[in-house]
N, C-alpha and C. Protein backbone atom coordinates (compact mmCIF):
# COMPACT_ATOMS: atom_id res chain seq x y z
N MET A 1 -8.74 4.76 -1.50
CA MET A 1 -8.72 3.39 -1.05
C MET A 1 -7.42 2.74 -1.50
N LYS A 2 -6.75 2.11 -0.57
CA LYS A 2 -5.48 1.46 -0.86
C LYS A 2 -5.70 0.20 -1.70
N ILE A 3 -4.85 0.00 -2.69
CA ILE A 3 -4.88 -1.21 -3.51
C ILE A 3 -4.06 -2.26 -2.77
N SER A 4 -4.72 -3.34 -2.36
CA SER A 4 -4.05 -4.30 -1.48
C SER A 4 -3.19 -5.32 -2.22
N ASN A 5 -3.55 -5.67 -3.43
CA ASN A 5 -2.76 -6.68 -4.13
C ASN A 5 -2.25 -6.12 -5.45
N SER A 6 -1.18 -5.36 -5.36
CA SER A 6 -0.67 -4.63 -6.52
C SER A 6 -0.17 -5.55 -7.63
N LYS A 7 0.41 -6.67 -7.26
CA LYS A 7 0.95 -7.57 -8.29
C LYS A 7 -0.17 -8.22 -9.10
N ASP A 8 -1.26 -8.60 -8.43
CA ASP A 8 -2.39 -9.17 -9.17
C ASP A 8 -3.01 -8.13 -10.10
N LEU A 9 -3.13 -6.89 -9.61
CA LEU A 9 -3.68 -5.84 -10.47
C LEU A 9 -2.76 -5.58 -11.66
N ALA A 10 -1.46 -5.54 -11.41
CA ALA A 10 -0.51 -5.33 -12.51
C ALA A 10 -0.62 -6.46 -13.54
N LEU A 11 -0.78 -7.69 -13.07
CA LEU A 11 -0.96 -8.81 -14.00
C LEU A 11 -2.25 -8.66 -14.80
N ALA A 12 -3.31 -8.20 -14.15
CA ALA A 12 -4.58 -7.98 -14.85
C ALA A 12 -4.43 -6.89 -15.90
N ILE A 13 -3.67 -5.86 -15.59
CA ILE A 13 -3.43 -4.79 -16.56
C ILE A 13 -2.71 -5.35 -17.77
N VAL A 14 -1.69 -6.16 -17.54
CA VAL A 14 -0.95 -6.77 -18.65
C VAL A 14 -1.86 -7.70 -19.44
N ALA A 15 -2.66 -8.50 -18.74
CA ALA A 15 -3.54 -9.46 -19.41
C ALA A 15 -4.57 -8.76 -20.29
N SER A 16 -4.97 -7.56 -19.89
CA SER A 16 -5.96 -6.83 -20.68
C SER A 16 -5.33 -5.90 -21.72
N SER A 17 -4.02 -5.92 -21.80
CA SER A 17 -3.33 -5.06 -22.77
C SER A 17 -3.44 -5.65 -24.18
N SER A 18 -2.98 -4.89 -25.11
CA SER A 18 -3.03 -5.30 -26.52
C SER A 18 -2.27 -6.61 -26.75
N PRO A 19 -2.88 -7.53 -27.47
CA PRO A 19 -2.18 -8.79 -27.76
C PRO A 19 -0.99 -8.60 -28.70
N THR A 20 -0.88 -7.44 -29.29
CA THR A 20 0.24 -7.19 -30.20
C THR A 20 1.50 -6.71 -29.48
N LEU A 21 1.40 -6.46 -28.18
CA LEU A 21 2.59 -6.04 -27.43
C LEU A 21 3.59 -7.18 -27.37
N SER A 22 4.84 -6.83 -27.48
CA SER A 22 5.90 -7.84 -27.36
C SER A 22 6.04 -8.26 -25.89
N ILE A 23 6.69 -9.37 -25.66
CA ILE A 23 6.93 -9.83 -24.28
C ILE A 23 7.72 -8.77 -23.51
N LYS A 24 8.70 -8.18 -24.17
CA LYS A 24 9.50 -7.13 -23.53
C LYS A 24 8.60 -5.96 -23.11
N ASP A 25 7.68 -5.57 -23.99
CA ASP A 25 6.77 -4.47 -23.68
C ASP A 25 5.81 -4.85 -22.55
N LYS A 26 5.38 -6.10 -22.53
CA LYS A 26 4.47 -6.55 -21.46
C LYS A 26 5.20 -6.56 -20.11
N ILE A 27 6.44 -6.96 -20.11
CA ILE A 27 7.23 -6.93 -18.87
C ILE A 27 7.38 -5.49 -18.39
N LYS A 28 7.67 -4.59 -19.30
CA LYS A 28 7.80 -3.16 -18.96
C LYS A 28 6.47 -2.63 -18.43
N LEU A 29 5.38 -3.01 -19.08
CA LEU A 29 4.05 -2.58 -18.63
C LEU A 29 3.78 -3.08 -17.22
N TYR A 30 4.13 -4.33 -16.94
CA TYR A 30 3.96 -4.90 -15.61
C TYR A 30 4.77 -4.11 -14.58
N GLU A 31 6.04 -3.89 -14.86
CA GLU A 31 6.90 -3.16 -13.94
C GLU A 31 6.40 -1.73 -13.72
N ASP A 32 5.99 -1.08 -14.79
CA ASP A 32 5.46 0.29 -14.68
C ASP A 32 4.16 0.30 -13.87
N SER A 33 3.33 -0.73 -14.06
CA SER A 33 2.07 -0.81 -13.32
C SER A 33 2.32 -1.00 -11.83
N VAL A 34 3.24 -1.89 -11.49
CA VAL A 34 3.57 -2.11 -10.07
C VAL A 34 4.06 -0.81 -9.44
N GLU A 35 4.92 -0.09 -10.15
CA GLU A 35 5.45 1.17 -9.62
C GLU A 35 4.35 2.23 -9.49
N ALA A 36 3.46 2.32 -10.47
CA ALA A 36 2.37 3.29 -10.41
C ALA A 36 1.44 2.99 -9.23
N ILE A 37 1.16 1.72 -9.01
CA ILE A 37 0.30 1.33 -7.89
C ILE A 37 1.00 1.65 -6.57
N LYS A 38 2.29 1.40 -6.51
CA LYS A 38 3.07 1.72 -5.30
C LYS A 38 2.98 3.21 -4.99
N GLN A 39 3.13 4.04 -6.01
CA GLN A 39 3.04 5.49 -5.82
C GLN A 39 1.63 5.90 -5.42
N TYR A 40 0.62 5.25 -6.02
CA TYR A 40 -0.77 5.53 -5.66
C TYR A 40 -1.02 5.21 -4.19
N ASN A 41 -0.46 4.09 -3.72
CA ASN A 41 -0.67 3.63 -2.35
C ASN A 41 0.11 4.43 -1.31
N LEU A 42 1.13 5.15 -1.72
CA LEU A 42 2.03 5.82 -0.79
C LEU A 42 1.31 6.69 0.25
N PRO A 43 0.35 7.54 -0.12
CA PRO A 43 -0.33 8.34 0.91
C PRO A 43 -1.07 7.47 1.93
N PHE A 44 -1.63 6.36 1.48
CA PHE A 44 -2.34 5.47 2.39
C PHE A 44 -1.38 4.79 3.36
N VAL A 45 -0.23 4.37 2.86
CA VAL A 45 0.79 3.73 3.69
C VAL A 45 1.31 4.72 4.73
N GLU A 46 1.56 5.95 4.30
CA GLU A 46 2.04 6.98 5.23
C GLU A 46 1.00 7.28 6.30
N ALA A 47 -0.27 7.32 5.91
CA ALA A 47 -1.34 7.57 6.88
C ALA A 47 -1.43 6.44 7.90
N GLU A 48 -1.27 5.20 7.43
CA GLU A 48 -1.28 4.05 8.34
C GLU A 48 -0.12 4.12 9.33
N LYS A 49 1.05 4.50 8.84
CA LYS A 49 2.22 4.63 9.72
C LYS A 49 1.97 5.70 10.78
N GLN A 50 1.42 6.83 10.35
CA GLN A 50 1.16 7.92 11.29
C GLN A 50 0.13 7.50 12.33
N GLU A 51 -0.88 6.75 11.90
CA GLU A 51 -1.89 6.27 12.85
C GLU A 51 -1.27 5.34 13.89
N GLN A 52 -0.36 4.48 13.46
CA GLN A 52 0.32 3.59 14.41
C GLN A 52 1.16 4.39 15.40
N ILE A 53 1.84 5.42 14.90
CA ILE A 53 2.63 6.28 15.78
C ILE A 53 1.73 6.96 16.80
N ASN A 54 0.61 7.51 16.32
CA ASN A 54 -0.32 8.21 17.21
C ASN A 54 -0.90 7.25 18.25
N ASN A 55 -1.25 6.04 17.83
CA ASN A 55 -1.79 5.05 18.77
C ASN A 55 -0.76 4.69 19.82
N GLY A 56 0.48 4.56 19.41
CA GLY A 56 1.55 4.26 20.36
C GLY A 56 1.73 5.37 21.38
N LYS A 57 1.60 6.62 20.93
CA LYS A 57 1.72 7.75 21.85
C LYS A 57 0.58 7.76 22.86
N VAL A 58 -0.63 7.46 22.41
CA VAL A 58 -1.78 7.44 23.31
C VAL A 58 -1.59 6.36 24.37
N ILE A 59 -1.13 5.19 23.95
CA ILE A 59 -0.90 4.10 24.90
C ILE A 59 0.20 4.48 25.89
N ALA A 60 1.28 5.05 25.40
CA ALA A 60 2.39 5.44 26.27
C ALA A 60 1.94 6.49 27.29
N GLU A 61 1.14 7.46 26.84
CA GLU A 61 0.66 8.50 27.75
C GLU A 61 -0.26 7.90 28.82
N ALA A 62 -1.12 6.97 28.41
CA ALA A 62 -2.02 6.33 29.38
C ALA A 62 -1.23 5.54 30.41
N LEU A 63 -0.21 4.84 29.96
CA LEU A 63 0.62 4.07 30.89
C LEU A 63 1.38 4.98 31.84
N GLU A 64 1.84 6.12 31.34
CA GLU A 64 2.56 7.07 32.20
C GLU A 64 1.65 7.61 33.30
N ARG A 65 0.36 7.74 32.99
CA ARG A 65 -0.60 8.23 33.99
C ARG A 65 -1.09 7.10 34.89
N GLY A 66 -0.65 5.89 34.61
CA GLY A 66 -1.06 4.74 35.42
C GLY A 66 -2.45 4.22 35.09
N GLU A 67 -2.96 4.58 33.93
CA GLU A 67 -4.30 4.14 33.53
C GLU A 67 -4.24 2.73 32.96
N SER A 68 -5.35 2.03 33.15
CA SER A 68 -5.46 0.69 32.57
C SER A 68 -5.84 0.83 31.10
N LEU A 69 -5.29 -0.03 30.29
CA LEU A 69 -5.63 -0.03 28.86
C LEU A 69 -6.88 -0.85 28.58
N PHE A 70 -7.39 -1.52 29.61
CA PHE A 70 -8.50 -2.45 29.40
C PHE A 70 -9.78 -2.01 30.10
N GLY A 71 -9.92 -0.73 30.33
CA GLY A 71 -11.19 -0.28 30.85
C GLY A 71 -11.18 0.41 32.13
């Protein structure tokens, strides 16, 4: 499942981190969290892109055959 709001999740991760972390460490944790979430989401983003490409091909093929897209 794709994580839709990576920045909010990263903030939640920082908020739940140790209160003894320095501000510098919390900023690093936030940046690392955003990057980790981005990497986690990558397969989902690629799958969405491929689905859009496939849908475009189906529409183009239907139009080439003169078929209506609306039924």
